[in-house]
Amino acid sequence: MDQQEWVSKKMGKFTLRFKPYTLTLRHVFTVASFSRSTTPVVLTELEYEGVVGYGEASMPPYLGESQESVMAFLSKIDLSSFDSPFQTEEILHTVDALEAKNTAAKAALDIALHDLLGKLMNQPFYKIWGLNPELIPATSYTIGIDTEDMIRKKVQEAEQFKILKVKLGLDTDKMIIETIRSVTDVPLCADVNQGWKNKEEALEMAHWLKERNVVFLEQPMPKEMIDENAWLTEHSPIPTIADEGCQRLVDVPGLQGVYTGINIKLMKCTGMREAKQMTELARALNMKVMLGCMTETSCAISAAAQLAPLVDWADLDGALLIDNDLYDGMRVENGKCILPDRPGIGIKLK
């Protein structure tokens, strides 16, 4: 399927192109509920007056989208009634209203549109937004659930990173943390992926993890356990962050008091425009903000990174987990995100 040609759709002054691509992971990736070695994506290009913006939809299987569903959604988009990409609000509102959900497909168009706008203005998007890239927090690097030997190997490979993200949620949690602590003392963040089911045991683990320099808990219990997550947040010695429990802007107000903060991902919230709105709303509600990602190429990662100066924690390692990235974009040096000074989202084809 990766050899498939671009599907091209002419829409007045715009041309939208898209095609499937499969990312291959450097290591089998295991979390509390599944394992995988590839991630399906759909690459997009949005052209206007000879200028092309790049976008991407990444669809880990658990989110319910597929290459087929994304391409079917993109096929329905019609921008022929718009004269200019600077009608951004109307364009993205129209795309969002086409169908419910399909958030990764919508993000692919949103990212391509922002990249196109930045190129037309000849400025990186972080500059258009007035943001300082020096304020981007160090990105974490994800260590999936694995054997002791593989965990040690992964941690040693990640020695440049100043913070590691650890997947927990099974009965191996303490072994994983102790194995990592036998190799490094860098701060950790724990992503439980809804794996804990009991609030008292979750609180006990939160105290145990705090003693081992774990700085926050991401989605400790199932998102449906609202009262239990709120209780844990009230009593926990470390912050709690909503991930599966936080998809879009409309979800944010209801999470105040249930979690300390939210994890924003472009693929869940329809892209850069809504991600920025979510950041601003969370701040207004005095909540912490984490910026996350799926397994993605440097296209979607570089798009997310334009927002990164606004957040408390960045988890933008998705492109580092794959071995067939097509783009050159945001890079990581000594654990720090370095944004290229190129227009739009700052990427180019390798």
Foldseek 3Di string as FASTA:
>chain_A
DQVDDWDWDDAAQKIKTKDKDKFAFPDWFAFQPDTDGIWIKMKMWMDGPRFIFIFMFTCDPVLPDHPVNLVVLVVPQHPNVDDDLVVVVVSLVVSPVPDDFSQSSLARVNQGSLLRVQVVVFFEVLVVVPFDQVLFDQAAAEDHDDDLVVLLVVLVVVVLAQEYEYHAQDPCVVVSLVSSVVRDLRAYEYENVQRDADLVVLQVVLVVVVVSRHAEYENNHDLVPQVSLLVSCVRGPHFYEYEVNDQFQVSQVVCQSSTQAYEYESSRHSHDVRSLVSLVVCVVSNHAYEYAYAQDAQSRLLRSSSCRSSHDHYHSCNNVRGDDHQKDAWDAGSSRTDGAGGTRSGIDGD
